[in-house]
Structure formats: C-alpha cells, structure tokens
Amino acid sequence: MDWQSESPELWTFLESLHRGEILTGTVAAIERFGVFVALDDGPDHPAFPGVGFITIPELSWRRIEAPNEVVQIGQRVSCEFLQFDTYNAEARLSLRALQPDPFRAFADRTGVGQELRGTVEKVLPFGAFVNLEDGVVGLVPFREVHGRPAADRPESFEAGEEIAVVVTDIELPQRRVSLSRADGARHTSVVPHL
C-alpha cells in the first residue's frame, strides 16, 4: 500500500519523529508478535489499532513468554521512538529503553571469580542456563569453551535446583555470562547475589 498518498497526515507525523524521542500513548491491542500503541499526539492508523508498535524484545529486559506479562490493554505507556517503519507506516517503539538495563548493573558490580547463587533454569546438551537475578542468565557449559575445560555433565544439573556458581567471564556487548559450578556447590554457605 502506498501509505504516503493513502494517509498523508500519518506519513507526515511519522516523518516528523526523531530517534530517541519519548512518546506517550495507550496500549490499544496485544498480539503474540507485539503490542500496538495509540499515540497521544499521533493520528489514527487506517489499518492497525495504533500508530505505535512495540516488538516483543523491546517490551522488557527480561525474557517473557507473552506481551501481557508486561502490559495490559488500556495501560498508559511512555516509549522511546526507534524508527519509522515505512512498510507498515508505524512508529517502532521501545518500552525497555526507558528502564535500567539489569545486565549492565550486574556487570558493573560483579567480577570474574565471584561466587554467586542461582537457580538452574534449563538444562540442554551443551550447558545449563542459570538464572542469577531478574534479567540475567548465565551458562555453565558442558563442552570446552574458549580453551577452558568442560564444567560438568548434564546429569549433574536439575531444572529448579539452586546452585552455587563462579563467574568465569562477562561479555557486556554480547550480554553473556559464563559460569562454572563452584567447588562444594551443594552446600548453602554462599551468600545470594543482590
């Protein structure tokens, strides 16, 4: 569809937006692929419930299963404008951009060699994912990684189990935490990481 000629008011509005601009609106519809937002200062969209759209990854720093874990229809939201989607004639928005990044805060206060407690989230053939805190999950690899020997075996881990781990690497740009099981990991003398 040629949005520019079909809806010139919408096109002009979207062209006027700048990356990083804060927009407010109301959650108009929740779909499995994202959330439509009716923007306060924007015109109506001729085909969608709102001119603004938030993709699943832009809703929260945490991993979520469904958008309604974060927002509800009718909820007021403030979002950062990311880009003008010319194909759909909508403003791509980010809710999480206005929230503190828990991974950065974790990396700022945590060092390699630090012992932490976490809960095994998932065990896969290549490693165990351990939830260290809200929004931060690390991997205990079962195979050699970066020249380091394998940490353990899959049968040594059980989903839901609380374990002690040692941070072996933090890669901030890739948002990855590598872990190994702490010596004597089955005792409870380790202080939880806060």
C-alpha atoms as a PDB file:
ATOM      1  CA  MET A   1       0.000   0.000   0.000  1.00  0.00           C
ATOM      2  CA  ASP A   2       1.210   3.495  -0.772  1.00  0.00           C
ATOM      3  CA  TRP A   3       0.821   4.978   2.698  1.00  0.00           C
ATOM      4  CA  GLN A   4       2.232   8.339   1.637  1.00  0.00           C
ATOM      5  CA  SER A   5      -0.682   9.044  -0.723  1.00  0.00           C
ATOM      6  CA  GLU A   6      -3.327   6.980   1.157  1.00  0.00           C
ATOM      7  CA  SER A   7      -2.690   8.621   4.520  1.00  0.00           C
ATOM      8  CA  PRO A   8      -0.592  11.801   4.134  1.00  0.00           C
ATOM      9  CA  GLU A   9      -1.362  13.011   7.681  1.00  0.00           C
ATOM     10  CA  LEU A  10       0.013   9.751   9.135  1.00  0.00           C
ATOM     11  CA  TRP A  11       3.074   9.836   6.865  1.00  0.00           C
ATOM     12  CA  THR A  12       3.859  13.463   7.808  1.00  0.00           C
ATOM     13  CA  PHE A  13       3.518  12.650  11.502  1.00  0.00           C
ATOM     14  CA  LEU A  14       5.855   9.656  11.287  1.00  0.00           C
ATOM     15  CA  GLU A  15       8.442  11.591   9.270  1.00  0.00           C
ATOM     16  CA  SER A  16       8.496  14.277  11.987  1.00  0.00           C
ATOM     17  CA  LEU A  17       9.660  11.853  14.694  1.00  0.00           C
ATOM     18  CA  HIS A  18      13.318  11.604  15.776  1.00  0.00           C
ATOM     19  CA  ARG A  19      15.175   8.586  17.145  1.00  0.00           C
ATOM     20  CA  GLY A  20      15.298   8.755  20.942  1.00  0.00           C
ATOM     21  CA  GLU A  21      12.192  10.932  21.223  1.00  0.00           C
ATOM     22  CA  ILE A  22       9.873   9.944  24.089  1.00  0.00           C
ATOM     23  CA  LEU A  23       6.276   9.283  23.048  1.00  0.00           C
ATOM     24  CA  THR A  24       3.267   8.512  25.225  1.00  0.00           C
ATOM     25  CA  GLY A  25       0.120   6.627  24.460  1.00  0.00           C
ATOM     26  CA  THR A  26      -2.282   3.858  25.390  1.00  0.00           C
ATOM     27  CA  VAL A  27      -1.887   0.141  24.697  1.00  0.00           C
ATOM     28  CA  ALA A  28      -4.551  -0.441  22.027  1.00  0.00           C
ATOM     29  CA  ALA A  29      -4.026  -4.129  21.192  1.00  0.00           C
ATOM     30  CA  ILE A  30      -1.827  -7.025  22.299  1.00  0.00           C
ATOM     31  CA  GLU A  31      -0.821  -9.622  19.716  1.00  0.00           C
ATOM     32  CA  ARG A  32       1.507 -12.628  20.058  1.00  0.00           C
ATOM     33  CA  PHE A  33       4.094 -10.737  17.949  1.00  0.00           C
ATOM     34  CA  GLY A  34       3.937  -7.391  19.773  1.00  0.00           C
ATOM     35  CA  VAL A  35       1.875  -4.510  21.077  1.00  0.00           C
ATOM     36  CA  PHE A  36       0.053  -1.693  19.244  1.00  0.00           C
ATOM     37  CA  VAL A  37       0.051   1.713  20.925  1.00  0.00           C
ATOM     38  CA  ALA A  38      -2.354   4.556  20.149  1.00  0.00           C
ATOM     39  CA  LEU A  39      -0.042   7.562  20.440  1.00  0.00           C
ATOM     40  CA  ASP A  40      -1.339  10.674  22.193  1.00  0.00           C
ATOM     41  CA  ASP A  41      -0.073  13.088  19.546  1.00  0.00           C
ATOM     42  CA  GLY A  42      -0.468  10.808  16.540  1.00  0.00           C
ATOM     43  CA  PRO A  43      -3.271  10.343  14.065  1.00  0.00           C
ATOM     44  CA  ASP A  44      -5.254   7.120  13.819  1.00  0.00           C
ATOM     45  CA  HIS A  45      -3.766   4.363  11.692  1.00  0.00           C
ATOM     46  CA  PRO A  46      -6.059   3.312   8.797  1.00  0.00           C
ATOM     47  CA  ALA A  47      -5.280  -0.415   9.180  1.00  0.00           C
ATOM     48  CA  PHE A  48      -3.869  -1.062  12.670  1.00  0.00           C
ATOM     49  CA  PRO A  49      -5.179  -0.406  16.209  1.00  0.00           C
ATOM     50  CA  GLY A  50      -2.373   2.093  16.820  1.00  0.00           C
ATOM     51  CA  VAL A  51       0.346   4.082  15.073  1.00  0.00           C
ATOM     52  CA  GLY A  52       2.996   2.842  17.501  1.00  0.00           C
ATOM     53  CA  PHE A  53       4.264  -0.735  17.660  1.00  0.00           C
ATOM     54  CA  ILE A  54       6.482  -2.464  20.244  1.00  0.00           C
ATOM     55  CA  THR A  55       8.093  -5.789  19.279  1.00  0.00           C
ATOM     56  CA  ILE A  56       8.435  -8.486  21.968  1.00  0.00           C
ATOM     57  CA  PRO A  57      12.186  -7.906  22.593  1.00  0.00           C
ATOM     58  CA  GLU A  58      11.563  -4.182  23.126  1.00  0.00           C
ATOM     59  CA  LEU A  59       8.961  -4.730  25.865  1.00  0.00           C
ATOM     60  CA  SER A  60      11.315  -5.786  28.659  1.00  0.00           C
ATOM     61  CA  TRP A  61      14.921  -6.659  29.526  1.00  0.00           C
ATOM     62  CA  ARG A  62      13.591  -9.925  30.999  1.00  0.00           C
ATOM     63  CA  ARG A  63      12.713 -12.901  28.857  1.00  0.00           C
ATOM     64  CA  ILE A  64       8.952 -13.060  28.558  1.00  0.00           C
ATOM     65  CA  GLU A  65       6.572 -15.646  27.162  1.00  0.00           C
ATOM     66  CA  ALA A  66       3.762 -13.254  26.243  1.00  0.00           C
ATOM     67  CA  PRO A  67       3.365  -9.455  25.965  1.00  0.00           C
ATOM     68  CA  ASN A  68       0.588  -9.384  28.598  1.00  0.00           C
ATOM     69  CA  GLU A  69       3.247 -10.222  31.213  1.00  0.00           C
ATOM     70  CA  VAL A  70       4.411  -6.617  30.749  1.00  0.00           C
ATOM     71  CA  VAL A  71       1.433  -4.543  29.544  1.00  0.00           C
ATOM     72  CA  GLN A  72      -2.360  -4.646  29.507  1.00  0.00           C
ATOM     73  CA  ILE A  73      -4.860  -3.157  27.050  1.00  0.00           C
ATOM     74  CA  GLY A  74      -5.719   0.383  28.127  1.00  0.00           C
ATOM     75  CA  GLN A  75      -2.445   0.846  30.037  1.00  0.00           C
ATOM     76  CA  ARG A  76      -0.688   4.205  29.636  1.00  0.00           C
ATOM     77  CA  VAL A  77       2.925   3.865  28.437  1.00  0.00           C
ATOM     78  CA  SER A  78       5.914   6.054  27.666  1.00  0.00           C
ATOM     79  CA  CYS A  79       8.240   4.695  24.993  1.00  0.00           C
ATOM     80  CA  GLU A  80      11.342   5.689  23.081  1.00  0.00           C
ATOM     81  CA  PHE A  81      10.965   6.124  19.321  1.00  0.00           C
ATOM     82  CA  LEU A  82      13.343   3.785  17.464  1.00  0.00           C
ATOM     83  CA  GLN A  83      12.450   4.149  13.796  1.00  0.00           C
ATOM     84  CA  PHE A  84       9.814   4.820  11.182  1.00  0.00           C
ATOM     85  CA  ASP A  85       8.642   1.534   9.657  1.00  0.00           C
ATOM     86  CA  THR A  86       7.773   2.774   6.157  1.00  0.00           C
ATOM     87  CA  TYR A  87       6.362  -0.606   5.046  1.00  0.00           C
ATOM     88  CA  ASN A  88       3.658  -0.659   7.752  1.00  0.00           C
ATOM     89  CA  ALA A  89       3.548   3.119   8.310  1.00  0.00           C
ATOM     90  CA  GLU A  90       4.073   2.806  12.045  1.00  0.00           C
ATOM     91  CA  ALA A  91       6.396   4.112  14.725  1.00  0.00           C
ATOM     92  CA  ARG A  92       8.614   1.357  16.116  1.00  0.00           C
ATOM     93  CA  LEU A  93       8.880   1.913  19.858  1.00  0.00           C
ATOM     94  CA  SER A  94      10.820   0.582  22.846  1.00  0.00           C
ATOM     95  CA  LEU A  95       9.425   0.279  26.349  1.00  0.00           C
ATOM     96  CA  ARG A  96      12.625  -1.264  27.745  1.00  0.00           C
ATOM     97  CA  ALA A  97      14.811   1.631  26.528  1.00  0.00           C
ATOM     98  CA  LEU A  98      13.361   3.730  29.356  1.00  0.00           C
ATOM     99  CA  GLN A  99      14.126   1.084  32.004  1.00  0.00           C
ATOM    100  CA  PRO A 100      17.520   0.431  33.619  1.00  0.00           C
ATOM    101  CA  ASP A 101      19.430  -2.430  31.995  1.00  0.00           C
ATOM    102  CA  PRO A 102      19.800  -5.153  34.660  1.00  0.00           C
ATOM    103  CA  PHE A 103      22.654  -6.789  32.731  1.00  0.00           C
ATOM    104  CA  ARG A 104      24.768  -3.626  32.807  1.00  0.00           C
ATOM    105  CA  ALA A 105      24.125  -3.181  36.535  1.00  0.00           C
ATOM    106  CA  PHE A 106      25.067  -6.842  37.099  1.00  0.00           C
ATOM    107  CA  ALA A 107      28.296  -6.449  35.080  1.00  0.00           C
ATOM    108  CA  ASP A 108      29.214  -3.257  36.977  1.00  0.00           C
ATOM    109  CA  ARG A 109      29.039  -4.937  40.387  1.00  0.00           C
ATOM    110  CA  THR A 110      30.167  -8.473  39.540  1.00  0.00           C
ATOM    111  CA  GLY A 111      33.694  -9.659  38.826  1.00  0.00           C
ATOM    112  CA  VAL A 112      35.252 -12.729  37.269  1.00  0.00           C
ATOM    113  CA  GLY A 113      35.905 -15.259  40.042  1.00  0.00           C
ATOM    114  CA  GLN A 114      32.971 -14.078  42.144  1.00  0.00           C
ATOM    115  CA  GLU A 115      30.843 -16.837  43.639  1.00  0.00           C
ATOM    116  CA  LEU A 116      27.061 -16.451  43.349  1.00  0.00           C
ATOM    117  CA  ARG A 117      23.891 -18.461  43.851  1.00  0.00           C
ATOM    118  CA  GLY A 118      21.406 -19.056  41.097  1.00  0.00           C
ATOM    119  CA  THR A 119      18.595 -21.326  40.003  1.00  0.00           C
ATOM    120  CA  VAL A 120      19.013 -23.775  37.137  1.00  0.00           C
ATOM    121  CA  GLU A 121      16.518 -22.591  34.535  1.00  0.00           C
ATOM    122  CA  LYS A 122      17.107 -25.077  31.743  1.00  0.00           C
ATOM    123  CA  VAL A 123      19.477 -27.989  31.008  1.00  0.00           C
ATOM    124  CA  LEU A 124      20.433 -28.578  27.364  1.00  0.00           C
ATOM    125  CA  PRO A 125      23.054 -30.904  25.799  1.00  0.00           C
ATOM    126  CA  PHE A 126      25.627 -28.070  25.590  1.00  0.00           C
ATOM    127  CA  GLY A 127      25.123 -26.488  29.031  1.00  0.00           C
ATOM    128  CA  ALA A 128      22.921 -25.394  31.895  1.00  0.00           C
ATOM    129  CA  PHE A 129      21.304 -21.956  31.979  1.00  0.00           C
ATOM    130  CA  VAL A 130      21.348 -20.477  35.485  1.00  0.00           C
ATOM    131  CA  ASN A 131      19.124 -17.550  36.472  1.00  0.00           C
ATOM    132  CA  LEU A 132      21.317 -15.282  38.601  1.00  0.00           C
ATOM    133  CA  GLU A 133      18.799 -12.481  39.048  1.00  0.00           C
ATOM    134  CA  ASP A 134      15.898 -10.912  37.189  1.00  0.00           C
ATOM    135  CA  GLY A 135      17.040 -10.353  33.614  1.00  0.00           C
ATOM    136  CA  VAL A 136      20.465 -12.023  33.983  1.00  0.00           C
ATOM    137  CA  VAL A 137      21.023 -15.655  32.996  1.00  0.00           C
ATOM    138  CA  GLY A 138      24.437 -17.316  32.740  1.00  0.00           C
ATOM    139  CA  LEU A 139      25.615 -20.511  31.068  1.00  0.00           C
ATOM    140  CA  VAL A 140      27.555 -23.369  32.653  1.00  0.00           C
ATOM    141  CA  PRO A 141      28.986 -25.052  29.526  1.00  0.00           C
ATOM    142  CA  PHE A 142      29.335 -28.850  29.284  1.00  0.00           C
ATOM    143  CA  ARG A 143      31.864 -28.581  26.462  1.00  0.00           C
ATOM    144  CA  GLU A 144      35.173 -26.791  26.271  1.00  0.00           C
ATOM    145  CA  VAL A 145      34.661 -23.068  25.730  1.00  0.00           C
ATOM    146  CA  HIS A 146      37.452 -20.607  24.892  1.00  0.00           C
ATOM    147  CA  GLY A 147      40.098 -23.185  25.840  1.00  0.00           C
ATOM    148  CA  ARG A 148      38.556 -23.821  29.257  1.00  0.00           C
ATOM    149  CA  PRO A 149      37.694 -27.418  30.156  1.00  0.00           C
ATOM    150  CA  ALA A 150      34.088 -28.561  30.366  1.00  0.00           C
ATOM    151  CA  ALA A 151      32.419 -27.543  33.601  1.00  0.00           C
ATOM    152  CA  ASP A 152      30.263 -30.554  34.383  1.00  0.00           C
ATOM    153  CA  ARG A 153      27.855 -33.110  32.945  1.00  0.00           C
ATOM    154  CA  PRO A 154      24.152 -32.566  32.137  1.00  0.00           C
ATOM    155  CA  GLU A 155      23.061 -35.154  34.702  1.00  0.00           C
ATOM    156  CA  SER A 156      24.714 -33.042  37.436  1.00  0.00           C
ATOM    157  CA  PHE A 157      22.063 -30.350  36.989  1.00  0.00           C
ATOM    158  CA  GLU A 158      18.326 -30.326  37.552  1.00  0.00           C
ATOM    159  CA  ALA A 159      15.931 -27.552  36.492  1.00  0.00           C
ATOM    160  CA  GLY A 160      14.692 -25.626  39.527  1.00  0.00           C
ATOM    161  CA  GLU A 161      17.727 -26.556  41.630  1.00  0.00           C
ATOM    162  CA  GLU A 162      19.518 -23.732  43.446  1.00  0.00           C
ATOM    163  CA  ILE A 163      23.285 -23.974  42.991  1.00  0.00           C
ATOM    164  CA  ALA A 164      26.487 -22.077  43.702  1.00  0.00           C
ATOM    165  CA  VAL A 165      28.400 -20.918  40.640  1.00  0.00           C
ATOM    166  CA  VAL A 166      31.549 -18.944  39.875  1.00  0.00           C
ATOM    167  CA  VAL A 167      31.626 -16.245  37.209  1.00  0.00           C
ATOM    168  CA  THR A 168      34.273 -17.168  34.619  1.00  0.00           C
ATOM    169  CA  ASP A 169      33.568 -14.443  32.043  1.00  0.00           C
ATOM    170  CA  ILE A 170      31.248 -11.475  31.426  1.00  0.00           C
ATOM    171  CA  GLU A 171      30.868 -10.245  27.840  1.00  0.00           C
ATOM    172  CA  LEU A 172      28.960  -6.977  28.068  1.00  0.00           C
ATOM    173  CA  PRO A 173      28.465  -6.288  24.318  1.00  0.00           C
ATOM    174  CA  GLN A 174      27.151  -9.838  23.735  1.00  0.00           C
ATOM    175  CA  ARG A 175      25.226  -9.815  27.029  1.00  0.00           C
ATOM    176  CA  ARG A 176      26.712 -13.194  28.056  1.00  0.00           C
ATOM    177  CA  VAL A 177      27.807 -14.563  31.400  1.00  0.00           C
ATOM    178  CA  SER A 178      29.891 -17.736  31.504  1.00  0.00           C
ATOM    179  CA  LEU A 179      29.839 -19.759  34.716  1.00  0.00           C
ATOM    180  CA  SER A 180      31.314 -22.849  36.304  1.00  0.00           C
ATOM    181  CA  ARG A 181      29.988 -24.805  39.222  1.00  0.00           C
ATOM    182  CA  ALA A 182      31.554 -23.695  42.487  1.00  0.00           C
ATOM    183  CA  ASP A 183      33.619 -26.187  44.482  1.00  0.00           C
ATOM    184  CA  GLY A 184      31.376 -27.714  47.142  1.00  0.00           C
ATOM    185  CA  ALA A 185      28.408 -26.290  45.224  1.00  0.00           C
ATOM    186  CA  ARG A 186      25.853 -28.352  47.116  1.00  0.00           C
ATOM    187  CA  HIS A 187      26.395 -26.588  50.454  1.00  0.00           C
ATOM    188  CA  THR A 188      24.447 -23.451  51.303  1.00  0.00           C
ATOM    189  CA  SER A 189      27.108 -21.148  52.762  1.00  0.00           C
ATOM    190  CA  VAL A 190      27.240 -18.904  49.667  1.00  0.00           C
ATOM    191  CA  VAL A 191      25.620 -15.518  50.106  1.00  0.00           C
ATOM    192  CA  PRO A 192      22.960 -14.758  47.453  1.00  0.00           C
ATOM    193  CA  HIS A 193      23.981 -12.099  44.919  1.00  0.00           C
ATOM    194  CA  LEU A 194      21.958  -8.890  45.355  1.00  0.00           C
END
